[in-house]
Amino acid sequence: MRDDTHTLRGGSLTATIKAHGAELCSLKDDVTEFVWQAGAEWPRHAPLLFPIVGRLASDEFRHRGKTYRMTQHGFARDSRFAWTERGERRCTLVLEDNEATRARYPFAFRLTAIYALDDAGLDLTLVIANTGRETLPASIGGHPAFNWPLQPGLAKESYALTFASAELSPVRRLDGGLLRPATEPSPVKGNVLPLSESLFTDDAVIFDQIESHAVRYAASSGPWLKMSWRGFRELGVWSKPSGAPFLCIEPWRGYASPAGFDGEFSDKPGLMHIATGAEEQLSFRIEVGSS
């Protein structure tokens, strides 16, 4: 297990990361575990989404006359990353293309995940490098799941997301995992999104015109967390439509294929296009506390 996981320590906080998927599987202080502990309702904690976010039509894409199979959210979350740094407050993991990835995604890349813990929270920096000879089309996203409620016994409806800015733009929803053509009115009231299980009847709430770069998840008292991000352009908020004790707050660079899209993969909306020898760096931070 020592090679499979690594625990960072900073003040009263600890964060545990595993090599499988470079996935955060615990963030806690002396009292509260903030990260969902992968129960029967959903077997993951905080997967990394790469090289796609969301689903492709028929779980396939085309590139230069060939068809490749790529399931929802890509393969990084199910790949073993290599440790390149394992310190008390910082660790680094790397995934590079190999024969198995190229059979599903014919591009050269290096994905680096850097976790850094301080006394107030955890930073994750993601670096995607194009190590090949052609433009790298890719998306990336975080998918951290937090306990909902954060304080046992408190009603789920006691919680809300408070954005840094008013979020008045329409949102997007999914149908069969694909982006619906029509937008829907924002469920955010000013800058506050009241949380309830019914919010997720139509799957994730997708903010593809997000104004904010931070959001606070809290009830009127008790444990809280704040998530902020850089480089990401969209945000997904999700829980199981049938109800489950977790809430996912997901910074994205990209999203599911629009329903009806049937073009080349490089023309898929939402992708980054990283030039040969170049890289993209994105990050998010999770701060935690109690009031």
Protein backbone atom coordinates (compact mmCIF):
# COMPACT_ATOMS: atom_id res chain seq x y z
CA MET A 1 0.00 0.00 0.00
CA ARG A 2 2.92 2.36 0.62
CA ASP A 3 3.61 2.47 -3.12
CA ASP A 4 -0.06 2.83 -3.99
CA THR A 5 -0.88 5.82 -1.77
CA HIS A 6 0.84 8.82 -0.27
CA THR A 7 -0.38 11.10 2.53
CA LEU A 8 0.46 14.79 2.72
CA ARG A 9 0.39 16.63 6.06
CA GLY A 10 -0.02 20.35 6.75
CA GLY A 11 -1.09 21.71 10.14
CA SER A 12 -4.27 19.87 11.10
CA LEU A 13 -4.92 18.73 7.51
CA THR A 14 -4.04 15.52 5.74
CA ALA A 15 -4.58 14.59 2.10
CA THR A 16 -4.15 11.10 0.68
CA ILE A 17 -3.51 10.49 -3.02
CA LYS A 18 -3.28 7.17 -4.79
CA ALA A 19 -1.23 6.23 -7.85
CA HIS A 20 -4.27 4.71 -9.55
CA GLY A 21 -5.68 7.66 -11.45
CA ALA A 22 -3.56 10.14 -9.42
CA GLU A 23 -6.79 10.37 -7.43
CA LEU A 24 -7.35 12.31 -4.23
CA CYS A 25 -9.07 9.87 -1.88
CA SER A 26 -9.08 11.80 1.41
CA LEU A 27 -8.91 15.39 2.64
CA LYS A 28 -9.60 15.83 6.32
CA ASP A 29 -8.88 17.87 9.41
CA ASP A 30 -9.01 16.70 13.01
CA VAL A 31 -12.82 16.36 12.87
CA THR A 32 -14.15 16.18 9.32
CA GLU A 33 -13.53 14.02 6.25
CA PHE A 34 -14.46 16.22 3.30
CA VAL A 35 -14.00 13.74 0.44
CA TRP A 36 -16.60 11.09 -0.38
CA GLN A 37 -15.27 7.70 0.61
CA ALA A 38 -16.32 5.78 -2.51
CA GLY A 39 -19.42 3.92 -1.40
CA ALA A 40 -21.90 1.72 -3.21
CA GLU A 41 -23.66 4.69 -4.79
CA TRP A 42 -20.48 5.71 -6.68
CA PRO A 43 -17.14 3.86 -6.40
CA ARG A 44 -14.82 6.84 -6.91
CA HIS A 45 -13.50 9.77 -4.86
CA ALA A 46 -12.13 12.50 -7.15
CA PRO A 47 -11.13 11.12 -10.55
CA LEU A 48 -9.17 13.10 -13.13
CA LEU A 49 -10.92 13.39 -16.49
CA PHE A 50 -8.56 13.12 -19.48
CA PRO A 51 -8.33 13.23 -22.48
CA ILE A 52 -12.07 13.90 -22.67
CA VAL A 53 -14.65 15.31 -20.31
CA GLY A 54 -18.04 13.67 -20.53
CA ARG A 55 -19.17 11.27 -23.22
CA LEU A 56 -18.70 10.90 -26.97
CA ALA A 57 -21.52 9.68 -29.21
CA SER A 58 -21.35 5.87 -29.28
CA ASP A 59 -18.19 6.17 -27.13
CA GLU A 60 -16.15 6.64 -30.32
CA PHE A 61 -14.24 9.32 -32.20
CA ARG A 62 -12.64 9.64 -35.62
CA HIS A 63 -9.15 10.84 -36.44
CA ARG A 64 -7.52 10.72 -39.86
CA GLY A 65 -9.85 8.08 -41.22
CA LYS A 66 -9.67 5.73 -38.23
CA THR A 67 -12.20 5.16 -35.46
CA TYR A 68 -11.13 4.89 -31.82
CA ARG A 69 -13.13 3.77 -28.80
CA MET A 70 -13.10 6.16 -25.85
CA THR A 71 -15.45 5.69 -22.92
CA GLN A 72 -16.85 8.43 -20.70
CA HIS A 73 -14.29 10.80 -19.15
CA GLY A 74 -11.33 9.06 -20.79
CA PHE A 75 -8.68 6.68 -19.45
CA ALA A 76 -6.58 8.69 -17.00
CA ARG A 77 -8.88 7.89 -14.08
CA ASP A 78 -8.22 4.17 -14.63
CA SER A 79 -4.48 4.44 -15.34
CA ARG A 80 -1.62 4.04 -12.93
CA PHE A 81 0.50 7.18 -12.67
CA ALA A 82 4.19 7.09 -11.76
CA TRP A 83 5.40 8.88 -8.62
CA THR A 84 8.15 11.41 -9.33
CA GLU A 85 8.03 13.25 -5.99
CA ARG A 86 6.72 12.22 -2.56
CA GLY A 87 7.30 14.83 0.12
CA GLU A 88 5.61 15.80 3.37
CA ARG A 89 3.52 18.56 1.79
CA ARG A 90 3.85 17.93 -1.93
CA CYS A 91 3.76 15.02 -4.34
CA THR A 92 3.92 14.69 -8.12
CA LEU A 93 2.58 11.96 -10.40
CA VAL A 94 3.00 11.54 -14.16
CA LEU A 95 1.18 9.64 -16.89
CA GLU A 96 2.72 9.39 -20.36
CA ASP A 97 1.35 7.90 -23.54
CA ASN A 98 2.12 4.24 -24.09
CA GLU A 99 1.03 1.42 -26.33
CA ALA A 100 -2.25 0.98 -24.46
CA THR A 101 -3.19 4.67 -24.56
CA ARG A 102 -2.23 5.07 -28.22
CA ALA A 103 -4.60 2.24 -29.16
CA ARG A 104 -7.42 4.40 -27.79
CA TYR A 105 -6.02 7.89 -28.34
CA PRO A 106 -3.33 8.20 -31.03
CA PHE A 107 -1.48 11.16 -29.55
CA ALA A 108 1.73 11.67 -27.59
CA PHE A 109 1.35 13.47 -24.26
CA ARG A 110 2.60 13.81 -20.72
CA LEU A 111 0.08 14.55 -17.96
CA THR A 112 1.54 15.74 -14.66
CA ALA A 113 -0.48 16.08 -11.44
CA ILE A 114 1.10 18.09 -8.61
CA TYR A 115 -0.60 18.09 -5.20
CA ALA A 116 0.51 20.61 -2.55
CA LEU A 117 -0.97 20.89 0.95
CA ASP A 118 -0.72 23.86 3.29
CA ASP A 119 -2.36 24.65 6.61
CA ALA A 120 -5.57 25.90 4.94
CA GLY A 121 -6.13 23.63 1.97
CA LEU A 122 -4.96 21.61 -1.00
CA ASP A 123 -3.78 22.72 -4.44
CA LEU A 124 -3.81 20.52 -7.53
CA THR A 125 -1.87 21.68 -10.59
CA LEU A 126 -2.35 19.78 -13.85
CA VAL A 127 0.12 20.16 -16.72
CA ILE A 128 -0.58 18.67 -20.14
CA ALA A 129 2.45 18.61 -22.46
CA ASN A 130 2.36 17.79 -26.16
CA THR A 131 5.35 15.52 -26.69
CA GLY A 132 4.34 14.52 -30.21
CA ARG A 133 4.60 15.84 -33.75
CA GLU A 134 1.02 16.96 -34.29
CA THR A 135 -1.40 19.23 -32.46
CA LEU A 136 -2.79 17.60 -29.32
CA PRO A 137 -6.59 17.85 -29.03
CA ALA A 138 -7.63 17.24 -25.42
CA SER A 139 -9.92 18.12 -22.57
CA ILE A 140 -9.28 17.81 -18.86
CA GLY A 141 -11.34 18.12 -15.72
CA GLY A 142 -11.51 17.54 -12.02
CA HIS A 143 -14.35 15.47 -10.54
CA PRO A 144 -13.95 15.72 -6.74
CA ALA A 145 -16.85 14.35 -4.71
CA PHE A 146 -17.49 15.83 -1.27
CA ASN A 147 -19.64 14.44 1.49
CA TRP A 148 -23.18 15.81 1.41
CA PRO A 149 -23.93 16.65 4.13
CA LEU A 150 -20.51 17.54 5.48
CA GLN A 151 -21.92 17.33 9.00
CA PRO A 152 -23.75 14.06 9.69
CA GLY A 153 -27.39 14.52 10.57
CA LEU A 154 -27.76 17.87 8.84
CA ALA A 155 -30.35 17.99 6.06
CA LYS A 156 -28.95 18.08 2.52
CA GLU A 157 -31.25 21.02 1.78
CA SER A 158 -29.37 23.04 4.41
CA TYR A 159 -26.48 23.37 1.96
CA ALA A 160 -25.91 25.79 -0.90
CA LEU A 161 -23.22 26.79 -3.33
CA THR A 162 -22.32 30.48 -3.16
CA PHE A 163 -20.46 31.69 -6.25
CA ALA A 164 -18.01 34.57 -6.30
CA SER A 165 -20.14 36.29 -8.97
CA ALA A 166 -23.77 36.22 -10.05
CA GLU A 167 -24.37 33.30 -12.41
CA LEU A 168 -27.25 34.43 -14.58
CA SER A 169 -26.31 32.80 -17.89
CA PRO A 170 -28.29 29.76 -19.03
CA VAL A 171 -26.96 26.31 -18.13
CA ARG A 172 -26.65 23.12 -20.12
CA ARG A 173 -28.00 19.66 -19.40
CA LEU A 174 -27.35 16.16 -20.72
CA ASP A 175 -29.47 13.64 -22.57
CA GLY A 176 -27.99 10.16 -22.76
CA GLY A 177 -24.68 11.64 -21.67
CA LEU A 178 -24.59 14.12 -24.57
CA LEU A 179 -25.07 17.87 -24.41
CA ARG A 180 -28.62 18.94 -25.18
CA PRO A 181 -28.93 21.55 -27.97
CA ALA A 182 -31.14 23.87 -25.94
CA THR A 183 -30.03 25.79 -22.87
CA GLU A 184 -32.04 26.08 -19.66
CA PRO A 185 -32.51 28.99 -17.25
CA SER A 186 -29.90 29.14 -14.52
CA PRO A 187 -31.04 27.60 -11.22
CA VAL A 188 -28.73 30.05 -9.41
CA LYS A 189 -30.53 32.81 -7.50
CA GLY A 190 -28.13 35.73 -7.86
CA ASN A 191 -24.95 34.02 -6.77
CA VAL A 192 -26.52 31.28 -4.59
CA LEU A 193 -27.46 27.81 -5.79
CA PRO A 194 -29.69 26.07 -3.22
CA LEU A 195 -28.92 22.35 -3.17
CA SER A 196 -31.45 19.53 -3.26
CA GLU A 197 -31.60 16.04 -4.73
CA SER A 198 -34.21 17.20 -7.26
CA LEU A 199 -31.61 19.53 -8.81
CA PHE A 200 -29.97 16.47 -10.38
CA THR A 201 -33.05 14.80 -11.87
CA ASP A 202 -31.66 15.72 -15.30
CA ASP A 203 -28.09 14.75 -14.42
CA ALA A 204 -25.34 17.37 -14.00
CA VAL A 205 -25.84 21.12 -14.02
CA ILE A 206 -23.28 22.43 -16.53
CA PHE A 207 -22.10 26.03 -16.39
CA ASP A 208 -20.53 26.55 -19.82
CA GLN A 209 -20.54 30.35 -19.41
CA ILE A 210 -19.28 30.48 -15.84
CA GLU A 211 -18.37 33.96 -14.56
CA SER A 212 -16.93 32.91 -11.21
CA HIS A 213 -13.53 31.48 -10.42
CA ALA A 214 -14.53 30.31 -6.95
CA VAL A 215 -17.49 28.79 -5.11
CA ARG A 216 -18.20 28.09 -1.43
CA TYR A 217 -20.03 24.92 -0.37
CA ALA A 218 -21.57 25.23 3.09
CA ALA A 219 -24.59 25.19 5.38
CA SER A 220 -25.29 28.04 7.78
CA SER A 221 -22.89 26.46 10.28
CA GLY A 222 -20.47 23.59 10.55
CA PRO A 223 -17.76 22.42 8.12
CA TRP A 224 -17.38 24.27 4.82
CA LEU A 225 -15.14 24.23 1.80
CA LYS A 226 -14.22 26.71 -0.90
CA MET A 227 -13.10 25.69 -4.34
CA SER A 228 -11.27 28.06 -6.69
CA TRP A 229 -9.77 27.39 -10.12
CA ARG A 230 -7.52 28.78 -12.85
CA GLY A 231 -7.43 27.79 -16.52
CA PHE A 232 -10.73 25.94 -16.43
CA ARG A 233 -13.60 27.44 -18.42
CA GLU A 234 -16.60 25.35 -17.42
CA LEU A 235 -18.00 23.94 -14.20
CA GLY A 236 -20.13 20.87 -13.60
CA VAL A 237 -22.15 20.24 -10.44
CA TRP A 238 -23.42 16.69 -10.01
CA SER A 239 -24.82 14.09 -7.70
CA LYS A 240 -26.64 10.85 -8.41
CA PRO A 241 -30.13 11.64 -9.76
CA SER A 242 -31.50 8.89 -7.51
CA GLY A 243 -29.94 10.54 -4.47
CA ALA A 244 -26.56 9.87 -2.84
CA PRO A 245 -24.59 11.39 0.08
CA PHE A 246 -22.04 13.24 -2.07
CA LEU A 247 -21.80 16.37 -4.19
CA CYS A 248 -19.32 16.80 -7.05
CA ILE A 249 -17.96 20.25 -7.87
CA GLU A 250 -16.07 19.83 -11.14
CA PRO A 251 -13.85 22.40 -12.88
CA TRP A 252 -13.67 21.47 -16.57
CA ARG A 253 -11.85 22.47 -19.72
CA GLY A 254 -14.24 20.83 -22.15
CA TYR A 255 -17.54 18.97 -21.99
CA ALA A 256 -19.52 16.12 -23.53
CA SER A 257 -20.13 16.00 -27.26
CA PRO A 258 -23.18 17.98 -28.33
CA ALA A 259 -26.04 15.73 -29.39
CA GLY A 260 -25.80 15.28 -33.15
CA PHE A 261 -22.07 16.07 -33.43
CA ASP A 262 -20.48 13.65 -35.90
CA GLY A 263 -17.28 15.40 -36.98
CA GLU A 264 -13.59 14.73 -36.60
CA PHE A 265 -12.39 14.57 -33.01
CA SER A 266 -10.21 17.66 -33.48
CA ASP A 267 -13.36 19.62 -34.39
CA LYS A 268 -15.24 18.63 -31.23
CA PRO A 269 -16.39 21.73 -29.33
CA GLY A 270 -14.61 22.51 -26.07
CA LEU A 271 -11.22 20.95 -26.81
CA MET A 272 -7.84 22.51 -26.19
CA HIS A 273 -5.47 22.37 -29.16
CA ILE A 274 -1.93 22.18 -27.79
CA ALA A 275 0.88 22.83 -30.25
CA THR A 276 3.87 20.52 -30.59
CA GLY A 277 6.29 21.15 -27.73
CA ALA A 278 3.79 23.32 -25.86
CA GLU A 279 1.85 22.70 -22.65
CA GLU A 280 -1.28 23.82 -20.84
CA GLN A 281 -1.36 24.37 -17.08
CA LEU A 282 -4.57 24.42 -15.06
CA SER A 283 -5.17 24.29 -11.32
CA PHE A 284 -7.76 24.24 -8.59
CA ARG A 285 -7.61 24.73 -4.86
CA ILE A 286 -9.79 23.30 -2.07
CA GLU A 287 -9.80 25.29 1.17
CA VAL A 288 -11.61 23.88 4.19
CA GLY A 289 -12.75 25.06 7.58
CA SER A 290 -15.62 25.16 10.07
CA SER A 291 -17.89 27.92 11.35
